[in-house]
Amino acid sequence: MLSGYYCTLIDFGTPEFDEALKLRDVVLRKPLNMQFDPADIAQEYDSFHVACYKSGDDSLAAVLILKPLSDHTLKMRQVAVDPSLQSHGVGSYLVTQSEVLARSRGYSRIELHARDTAVTFYKKLGYETRGEVFKEVGIDHYFMEKNI
């Protein structure tokens, strides 16, 4: 447990979702000179949107998406931590809390495509790489997975 933060599900299409989308844009899209495609966002309706907030002022600290792939497997996507809070444990807390949520809903496995710069982060949380490096959105990624 990370003192001073809490994680919760947010609903698709709500003001909280819009706030999370803005954070994802700042952290994940703008550095690559990319923009969200509204059609891609529309496909997120069936995913779990997990947000991490600072206690007290309820400001958004981090967000991720868990997309169901099967009855037992989720794909973690769009992990974004406020740049001012990176390397303070917020991302680790968000990921571990999302695993708790996934287990509580009957899922036993999470997979993801990690940017090469994030592989060490996920390995510290017990994720393992599978296969070779591949390009996604123009940068190197690795397939990673964890049984939870």
N, C-alpha and C. Protein backbone atom coordinates (compact mmCIF):
# COMPACT_ATOMS: atom_id res chain seq x y z
N MET A 1 0.85 -1.19 0.00
CA MET A 1 0.00 0.00 0.00
C MET A 1 0.89 1.24 0.00
N LEU A 2 0.58 2.16 -0.87
CA LEU A 2 1.30 3.42 -0.96
C LEU A 2 0.52 4.48 -0.20
N SER A 3 1.10 5.00 0.83
CA SER A 3 0.42 5.99 1.66
C SER A 3 0.12 7.24 0.85
N GLY A 4 -1.10 7.74 1.01
CA GLY A 4 -1.49 8.98 0.36
C GLY A 4 -2.14 8.82 -1.00
N TYR A 5 -2.37 7.58 -1.43
CA TYR A 5 -2.98 7.33 -2.73
C TYR A 5 -4.03 6.23 -2.61
N TYR A 6 -4.96 6.23 -3.54
CA TYR A 6 -5.93 5.15 -3.64
C TYR A 6 -6.26 4.91 -5.11
N CYS A 7 -6.62 3.68 -5.43
CA CYS A 7 -6.98 3.31 -6.80
C CYS A 7 -8.44 2.91 -6.85
N THR A 8 -9.07 3.20 -7.98
CA THR A 8 -10.47 2.88 -8.16
C THR A 8 -10.77 2.71 -9.64
N LEU A 9 -11.87 2.04 -9.94
CA LEU A 9 -12.34 1.94 -11.32
C LEU A 9 -13.04 3.23 -11.70
N ILE A 10 -12.85 3.66 -12.93
CA ILE A 10 -13.61 4.79 -13.46
C ILE A 10 -14.39 4.31 -14.67
N ASP A 11 -15.53 4.91 -14.91
CA ASP A 11 -16.40 4.48 -15.99
C ASP A 11 -16.04 5.15 -17.31
N PHE A 12 -16.19 4.40 -18.37
CA PHE A 12 -15.98 4.89 -19.73
C PHE A 12 -16.94 6.05 -20.01
N GLY A 13 -16.43 7.09 -20.65
CA GLY A 13 -17.27 8.19 -21.09
C GLY A 13 -17.66 9.20 -20.03
N THR A 14 -17.07 9.11 -18.85
CA THR A 14 -17.39 10.03 -17.75
C THR A 14 -16.35 11.16 -17.71
N PRO A 15 -16.61 12.20 -16.91
CA PRO A 15 -15.58 13.24 -16.75
C PRO A 15 -14.25 12.67 -16.22
N GLU A 16 -14.31 11.66 -15.37
CA GLU A 16 -13.09 11.02 -14.86
C GLU A 16 -12.33 10.33 -16.00
N PHE A 17 -13.07 9.71 -16.90
CA PHE A 17 -12.46 9.08 -18.08
C PHE A 17 -11.78 10.14 -18.95
N ASP A 18 -12.45 11.26 -19.15
CA ASP A 18 -11.87 12.34 -19.95
C ASP A 18 -10.58 12.87 -19.32
N GLU A 19 -10.56 12.97 -17.99
CA GLU A 19 -9.36 13.41 -17.29
C GLU A 19 -8.22 12.40 -17.48
N ALA A 20 -8.57 11.11 -17.40
CA ALA A 20 -7.57 10.06 -17.62
C ALA A 20 -7.04 10.10 -19.05
N LEU A 21 -7.92 10.35 -19.99
CA LEU A 21 -7.52 10.45 -21.39
C LEU A 21 -6.51 11.59 -21.59
N LYS A 22 -6.73 12.70 -20.90
CA LYS A 22 -5.79 13.82 -20.99
C LYS A 22 -4.41 13.43 -20.46
N LEU A 23 -4.38 12.70 -19.34
CA LEU A 23 -3.10 12.26 -18.79
C LEU A 23 -2.41 11.29 -19.76
N ARG A 24 -3.15 10.37 -20.32
CA ARG A 24 -2.59 9.43 -21.29
C ARG A 24 -2.02 10.18 -22.49
N ASP A 25 -2.70 11.23 -22.93
CA ASP A 25 -2.24 12.02 -24.05
C ASP A 25 -0.90 12.69 -23.74
N VAL A 26 -0.81 13.31 -22.56
CA VAL A 26 0.42 14.01 -22.16
C VAL A 26 1.60 13.05 -22.04
N VAL A 27 1.36 11.90 -21.42
CA VAL A 27 2.46 10.97 -21.11
C VAL A 27 2.80 10.05 -22.28
N LEU A 28 1.79 9.57 -23.00
CA LEU A 28 2.02 8.53 -24.00
C LEU A 28 1.98 9.00 -25.45
N ARG A 29 1.19 10.00 -25.76
CA ARG A 29 1.01 10.40 -27.16
C ARG A 29 1.85 11.60 -27.57
N LYS A 30 1.77 12.67 -26.81
CA LYS A 30 2.49 13.90 -27.20
C LYS A 30 3.99 13.67 -27.40
N PRO A 31 4.67 12.89 -26.54
CA PRO A 31 6.11 12.67 -26.77
C PRO A 31 6.43 11.99 -28.12
N LEU A 32 5.44 11.29 -28.67
CA LEU A 32 5.62 10.62 -29.96
C LEU A 32 4.98 11.40 -31.11
N ASN A 33 4.53 12.62 -30.82
CA ASN A 33 3.81 13.45 -31.81
C ASN A 33 2.62 12.71 -32.40
N MET A 34 1.87 12.04 -31.52
CA MET A 34 0.70 11.28 -31.93
C MET A 34 -0.54 11.89 -31.29
N GLN A 35 -1.69 11.58 -31.89
CA GLN A 35 -2.97 11.96 -31.33
C GLN A 35 -3.85 10.73 -31.24
N PHE A 36 -4.80 10.78 -30.31
CA PHE A 36 -5.75 9.68 -30.19
C PHE A 36 -6.70 9.67 -31.38
N ASP A 37 -7.05 8.50 -31.83
CA ASP A 37 -8.06 8.31 -32.85
C ASP A 37 -9.38 8.04 -32.11
N PRO A 38 -10.39 8.87 -32.33
CA PRO A 38 -11.67 8.65 -31.63
C PRO A 38 -12.22 7.24 -31.80
N ALA A 39 -11.98 6.62 -32.94
CA ALA A 39 -12.45 5.25 -33.16
C ALA A 39 -11.76 4.27 -32.22
N ASP A 40 -10.47 4.51 -31.95
CA ASP A 40 -9.74 3.65 -31.01
C ASP A 40 -10.28 3.83 -29.59
N ILE A 41 -10.54 5.06 -29.21
CA ILE A 41 -11.08 5.34 -27.87
C ILE A 41 -12.44 4.67 -27.71
N ALA A 42 -13.25 4.71 -28.73
CA ALA A 42 -14.58 4.10 -28.67
C ALA A 42 -14.51 2.60 -28.39
N GLN A 43 -13.40 1.95 -28.76
CA GLN A 43 -13.23 0.52 -28.54
C GLN A 43 -12.90 0.18 -27.08
N GLU A 44 -12.72 1.19 -26.24
CA GLU A 44 -12.34 0.95 -24.84
C GLU A 44 -13.55 0.78 -23.91
N TYR A 45 -14.74 0.79 -24.47
CA TYR A 45 -15.96 0.74 -23.66
C TYR A 45 -16.05 -0.50 -22.78
N ASP A 46 -15.44 -1.61 -23.22
CA ASP A 46 -15.57 -2.88 -22.49
C ASP A 46 -14.37 -3.17 -21.59
N SER A 47 -13.48 -2.19 -21.43
CA SER A 47 -12.28 -2.39 -20.63
C SER A 47 -12.47 -1.87 -19.21
N PHE A 48 -11.60 -2.33 -18.32
CA PHE A 48 -11.55 -1.79 -16.96
C PHE A 48 -10.57 -0.62 -16.96
N HIS A 49 -11.01 0.53 -16.52
CA HIS A 49 -10.17 1.73 -16.45
C HIS A 49 -9.84 1.96 -14.98
N VAL A 50 -8.58 1.76 -14.62
CA VAL A 50 -8.14 1.87 -13.24
C VAL A 50 -7.38 3.18 -13.07
N ALA A 51 -7.82 3.99 -12.13
CA ALA A 51 -7.19 5.28 -11.88
C ALA A 51 -6.65 5.32 -10.46
N CYS A 52 -5.54 5.99 -10.29
CA CYS A 52 -4.91 6.18 -8.99
C CYS A 52 -4.98 7.68 -8.68
N TYR A 53 -5.50 8.00 -7.52
CA TYR A 53 -5.67 9.39 -7.11
C TYR A 53 -4.88 9.67 -5.83
N LYS A 54 -4.48 10.93 -5.69
CA LYS A 54 -3.89 11.38 -4.43
C LYS A 54 -5.01 11.55 -3.43
N SER A 55 -4.82 11.01 -2.24
CA SER A 55 -5.79 11.21 -1.17
C SER A 55 -5.76 12.68 -0.77
N GLY A 56 -6.88 13.17 -0.32
CA GLY A 56 -6.94 14.56 0.13
C GLY A 56 -7.48 15.48 -0.94
N ASP A 57 -6.72 15.65 -2.04
CA ASP A 57 -7.22 16.54 -3.08
C ASP A 57 -7.83 15.78 -4.27
N ASP A 58 -7.77 14.45 -4.24
CA ASP A 58 -8.34 13.59 -5.28
C ASP A 58 -7.85 13.93 -6.68
N SER A 59 -6.60 14.37 -6.79
CA SER A 59 -6.05 14.66 -8.12
C SER A 59 -5.55 13.36 -8.74
N LEU A 60 -5.73 13.25 -10.05
CA LEU A 60 -5.34 12.05 -10.78
C LEU A 60 -3.82 11.93 -10.82
N ALA A 61 -3.32 10.78 -10.39
CA ALA A 61 -1.88 10.53 -10.36
C ALA A 61 -1.44 9.58 -11.47
N ALA A 62 -2.29 8.60 -11.80
CA ALA A 62 -1.91 7.58 -12.77
C ALA A 62 -3.15 6.84 -13.25
N VAL A 63 -3.01 6.17 -14.37
CA VAL A 63 -4.13 5.44 -14.95
C VAL A 63 -3.60 4.28 -15.79
N LEU A 64 -4.41 3.24 -15.92
CA LEU A 64 -4.13 2.15 -16.86
C LEU A 64 -5.44 1.52 -17.27
N ILE A 65 -5.36 0.72 -18.33
CA ILE A 65 -6.53 0.02 -18.86
C ILE A 65 -6.26 -1.48 -18.82
N LEU A 66 -7.27 -2.25 -18.45
CA LEU A 66 -7.23 -3.70 -18.51
C LEU A 66 -8.30 -4.15 -19.49
N LYS A 67 -7.87 -4.68 -20.62
CA LYS A 67 -8.78 -5.12 -21.68
C LYS A 67 -8.95 -6.63 -21.60
N PRO A 68 -10.19 -7.11 -21.42
CA PRO A 68 -10.40 -8.56 -21.40
C PRO A 68 -10.07 -9.19 -22.75
N LEU A 69 -9.24 -10.23 -22.71
CA LEU A 69 -8.91 -10.99 -23.92
C LEU A 69 -9.60 -12.35 -23.91
N SER A 70 -9.83 -12.88 -22.72
CA SER A 70 -10.53 -14.16 -22.55
C SER A 70 -11.11 -14.16 -21.14
N ASP A 71 -11.69 -15.29 -20.75
CA ASP A 71 -12.25 -15.39 -19.40
C ASP A 71 -11.18 -15.32 -18.32
N HIS A 72 -9.92 -15.55 -18.68
CA HIS A 72 -8.86 -15.61 -17.68
C HIS A 72 -7.73 -14.61 -17.90
N THR A 73 -7.73 -13.95 -19.05
CA THR A 73 -6.59 -13.09 -19.41
C THR A 73 -7.03 -11.67 -19.72
N LEU A 74 -6.25 -10.73 -19.18
CA LEU A 74 -6.43 -9.31 -19.47
C LEU A 74 -5.17 -8.77 -20.13
N LYS A 75 -5.33 -7.76 -20.95
CA LYS A 75 -4.19 -7.06 -21.52
C LYS A 75 -4.10 -5.69 -20.86
N MET A 76 -2.97 -5.42 -20.22
CA MET A 76 -2.74 -4.12 -19.62
C MET A 76 -2.27 -3.17 -20.72
N ARG A 77 -2.89 -2.00 -20.77
CA ARG A 77 -2.59 -1.03 -21.81
C ARG A 77 -2.57 0.38 -21.23
N GLN A 78 -1.93 1.28 -21.96
CA GLN A 78 -2.04 2.71 -21.71
C GLN A 78 -1.73 3.09 -20.26
N VAL A 79 -0.64 2.56 -19.74
CA VAL A 79 -0.21 2.89 -18.37
C VAL A 79 0.45 4.27 -18.40
N ALA A 80 -0.10 5.18 -17.64
CA ALA A 80 0.42 6.55 -17.63
C ALA A 80 0.46 7.09 -16.20
N VAL A 81 1.61 7.61 -15.81
CA VAL A 81 1.80 8.22 -14.49
C VAL A 81 2.14 9.69 -14.70
N ASP A 82 1.50 10.56 -13.92
CA ASP A 82 1.80 11.99 -13.99
C ASP A 82 3.32 12.16 -13.94
N PRO A 83 3.89 12.91 -14.89
CA PRO A 83 5.35 13.05 -14.93
C PRO A 83 5.97 13.53 -13.62
N SER A 84 5.28 14.36 -12.87
CA SER A 84 5.83 14.86 -11.60
C SER A 84 5.84 13.79 -10.51
N LEU A 85 5.16 12.66 -10.75
CA LEU A 85 5.07 11.59 -9.75
C LEU A 85 5.82 10.32 -10.16
N GLN A 86 6.43 10.33 -11.33
CA GLN A 86 7.17 9.15 -11.78
C GLN A 86 8.36 8.91 -10.87
N SER A 87 8.68 7.64 -10.67
CA SER A 87 9.77 7.18 -9.79
C SER A 87 9.49 7.42 -8.32
N HIS A 88 8.21 7.52 -7.95
CA HIS A 88 7.82 7.69 -6.55
C HIS A 88 6.96 6.52 -6.04
N GLY A 89 6.86 5.45 -6.84
CA GLY A 89 6.09 4.28 -6.42
C GLY A 89 4.65 4.27 -6.86
N VAL A 90 4.19 5.34 -7.49
CA VAL A 90 2.78 5.43 -7.89
C VAL A 90 2.46 4.39 -8.97
N GLY A 91 3.33 4.25 -9.96
CA GLY A 91 3.10 3.28 -11.02
C GLY A 91 3.07 1.85 -10.50
N SER A 92 3.99 1.53 -9.62
CA SER A 92 4.01 0.19 -9.01
C SER A 92 2.74 -0.07 -8.22
N TYR A 93 2.32 0.92 -7.48
CA TYR A 93 1.09 0.79 -6.70
C TYR A 93 -0.11 0.58 -7.62
N LEU A 94 -0.20 1.36 -8.69
CA LEU A 94 -1.30 1.22 -9.65
C LEU A 94 -1.33 -0.18 -10.25
N VAL A 95 -0.18 -0.68 -10.68
CA VAL A 95 -0.13 -2.00 -11.30
C VAL A 95 -0.53 -3.08 -10.29
N THR A 96 0.01 -3.02 -9.08
CA THR A 96 -0.33 -4.06 -8.09
C THR A 96 -1.81 -4.00 -7.70
N GLN A 97 -2.36 -2.81 -7.61
CA GLN A 97 -3.79 -2.69 -7.29
C GLN A 97 -4.65 -3.19 -8.46
N SER A 98 -4.19 -3.00 -9.69
CA SER A 98 -4.94 -3.52 -10.84
C SER A 98 -4.92 -5.05 -10.84
N GLU A 99 -3.82 -5.64 -10.36
CA GLU A 99 -3.75 -7.09 -10.25
C GLU A 99 -4.74 -7.60 -9.21
N VAL A 100 -4.87 -6.89 -8.10
CA VAL A 100 -5.85 -7.26 -7.07
C VAL A 100 -7.26 -7.22 -7.67
N LEU A 101 -7.55 -6.16 -8.40
CA LEU A 101 -8.85 -6.02 -9.05
C LEU A 101 -9.09 -7.18 -10.02
N ALA A 102 -8.08 -7.49 -10.83
CA ALA A 102 -8.22 -8.56 -11.81
C ALA A 102 -8.51 -9.90 -11.14
N ARG A 103 -7.75 -10.22 -10.09
CA ARG A 103 -7.99 -11.48 -9.36
C ARG A 103 -9.39 -11.52 -8.77
N SER A 104 -9.85 -10.40 -8.25
CA SER A 104 -11.18 -10.36 -7.63
C SER A 104 -12.30 -10.59 -8.66
N ARG A 105 -11.98 -10.40 -9.91
CA ARG A 105 -12.96 -10.60 -10.99
C ARG A 105 -12.73 -11.91 -11.73
N GLY A 106 -11.86 -12.77 -11.19
CA GLY A 106 -11.68 -14.10 -11.73
C GLY A 106 -10.60 -14.25 -12.78
N TYR A 107 -9.82 -13.21 -13.03
CA TYR A 107 -8.74 -13.30 -14.01
C TYR A 107 -7.49 -13.86 -13.34
N SER A 108 -6.69 -14.59 -14.13
CA SER A 108 -5.49 -15.21 -13.57
C SER A 108 -4.21 -14.85 -14.32
N ARG A 109 -4.33 -14.05 -15.37
CA ARG A 109 -3.15 -13.72 -16.18
C ARG A 109 -3.30 -12.32 -16.75
N ILE A 110 -2.19 -11.58 -16.75
CA ILE A 110 -2.14 -10.27 -17.39
C ILE A 110 -0.97 -10.28 -18.37
N GLU A 111 -1.23 -9.79 -19.57
CA GLU A 111 -0.17 -9.62 -20.55
C GLU A 111 -0.11 -8.16 -20.97
N LEU A 112 1.02 -7.77 -21.56
CA LEU A 112 1.18 -6.38 -21.97
C LEU A 112 2.29 -6.27 -23.00
N HIS A 113 2.30 -5.14 -23.68
CA HIS A 113 3.38 -4.77 -24.58
C HIS A 113 4.12 -3.63 -23.91
N ALA A 114 5.32 -3.89 -23.42
CA ALA A 114 6.09 -2.89 -22.68
C ALA A 114 7.06 -2.17 -23.59
N ARG A 115 7.06 -0.84 -23.50
CA ARG A 115 8.10 -0.08 -24.18
C ARG A 115 9.44 -0.54 -23.61
N ASP A 116 10.48 -0.52 -24.44
CA ASP A 116 11.79 -1.00 -23.99
C ASP A 116 12.25 -0.28 -22.73
N THR A 117 11.87 0.98 -22.55
CA THR A 117 12.26 1.74 -21.37
C THR A 117 11.51 1.31 -20.11
N ALA A 118 10.45 0.52 -20.26
CA ALA A 118 9.64 0.11 -19.11
C ALA A 118 9.84 -1.36 -18.71
N VAL A 119 10.65 -2.09 -19.45
CA VAL A 119 10.82 -3.52 -19.18
C VAL A 119 11.34 -3.76 -17.76
N THR A 120 12.32 -3.02 -17.32
CA THR A 120 12.87 -3.19 -15.97
C THR A 120 11.80 -2.95 -14.91
N PHE A 121 10.98 -1.92 -15.11
CA PHE A 121 9.87 -1.62 -14.19
C PHE A 121 8.96 -2.84 -14.04
N TYR A 122 8.53 -3.42 -15.15
CA TYR A 122 7.61 -4.56 -15.08
C TYR A 122 8.29 -5.81 -14.53
N LYS A 123 9.57 -6.01 -14.84
CA LYS A 123 10.28 -7.17 -14.29
C LYS A 123 10.32 -7.10 -12.76
N LYS A 124 10.50 -5.91 -12.21
CA LYS A 124 10.50 -5.76 -10.75
C LYS A 124 9.16 -6.15 -10.14
N LEU A 125 8.10 -6.09 -10.94
CA LEU A 125 6.76 -6.44 -10.47
C LEU A 125 6.38 -7.88 -10.80
N GLY A 126 7.36 -8.65 -11.32
CA GLY A 126 7.13 -10.07 -11.57
C GLY A 126 6.71 -10.44 -12.98
N TYR A 127 6.70 -9.50 -13.89
CA TYR A 127 6.35 -9.80 -15.28
C TYR A 127 7.59 -10.36 -15.99
N GLU A 128 7.34 -11.26 -16.94
CA GLU A 128 8.42 -11.89 -17.69
C GLU A 128 8.27 -11.58 -19.18
N THR A 129 9.41 -11.40 -19.85
CA THR A 129 9.38 -11.16 -21.29
C THR A 129 9.24 -12.49 -22.02
N ARG A 130 8.59 -12.43 -23.16
CA ARG A 130 8.43 -13.59 -24.05
C ARG A 130 8.71 -13.11 -25.46
N GLY A 131 9.53 -13.84 -26.18
CA GLY A 131 9.78 -13.51 -27.58
C GLY A 131 10.80 -12.40 -27.76
N GLU A 132 10.84 -11.90 -28.97
CA GLU A 132 11.82 -10.91 -29.37
C GLU A 132 11.20 -9.51 -29.37
N VAL A 133 12.07 -8.52 -29.42
CA VAL A 133 11.65 -7.14 -29.50
C VAL A 133 10.85 -6.93 -30.79
N PHE A 134 9.84 -6.04 -30.74
CA PHE A 134 9.05 -5.69 -31.92
C PHE A 134 8.72 -4.20 -31.88
N LYS A 135 8.37 -3.67 -33.02
CA LYS A 135 8.02 -2.25 -33.13
C LYS A 135 6.52 -2.06 -32.96
N GLU A 136 6.18 -1.08 -32.16
CA GLU A 136 4.79 -0.66 -31.99
C GLU A 136 4.83 0.85 -31.81
N VAL A 137 3.98 1.57 -32.51
CA VAL A 137 3.99 3.04 -32.56
C VAL A 137 5.40 3.58 -32.78
N GLY A 138 6.19 2.84 -33.58
CA GLY A 138 7.51 3.30 -33.97
C GLY A 138 8.62 3.11 -32.95
N ILE A 139 8.34 2.46 -31.82
CA ILE A 139 9.39 2.25 -30.82
C ILE A 139 9.43 0.77 -30.40
N ASP A 140 10.58 0.37 -29.86
CA ASP A 140 10.77 -1.02 -29.45
C ASP A 140 9.87 -1.37 -28.27
N HIS A 141 9.25 -2.55 -28.37
CA HIS A 141 8.39 -3.09 -27.32
C HIS A 141 8.75 -4.56 -27.09
N TYR A 142 8.36 -5.06 -25.94
CA TYR A 142 8.49 -6.47 -25.60
C TYR A 142 7.15 -6.98 -25.10
N PHE A 143 6.82 -8.22 -25.48
CA PHE A 143 5.65 -8.89 -24.92
C PHE A 143 6.02 -9.36 -23.52
N MET A 144 5.18 -9.05 -22.54
CA MET A 144 5.42 -9.47 -21.16
C MET A 144 4.13 -10.06 -20.61
N GLU A 145 4.27 -10.93 -19.62
CA GLU A 145 3.11 -11.56 -19.01
C GLU A 145 3.39 -11.94 -17.56
N LYS A 146 2.30 -12.14 -16.84
CA LYS A 146 2.39 -12.56 -15.44
C LYS A 146 1.14 -13.32 -15.06
N ASN A 147 1.33 -14.46 -14.38
CA ASN A 147 0.20 -15.14 -13.77
C ASN A 147 -0.02 -14.48 -12.40
N ILE A 148 -1.26 -14.10 -12.17
CA ILE A 148 -1.56 -13.36 -10.93
C ILE A 148 -2.35 -14.19 -9.94
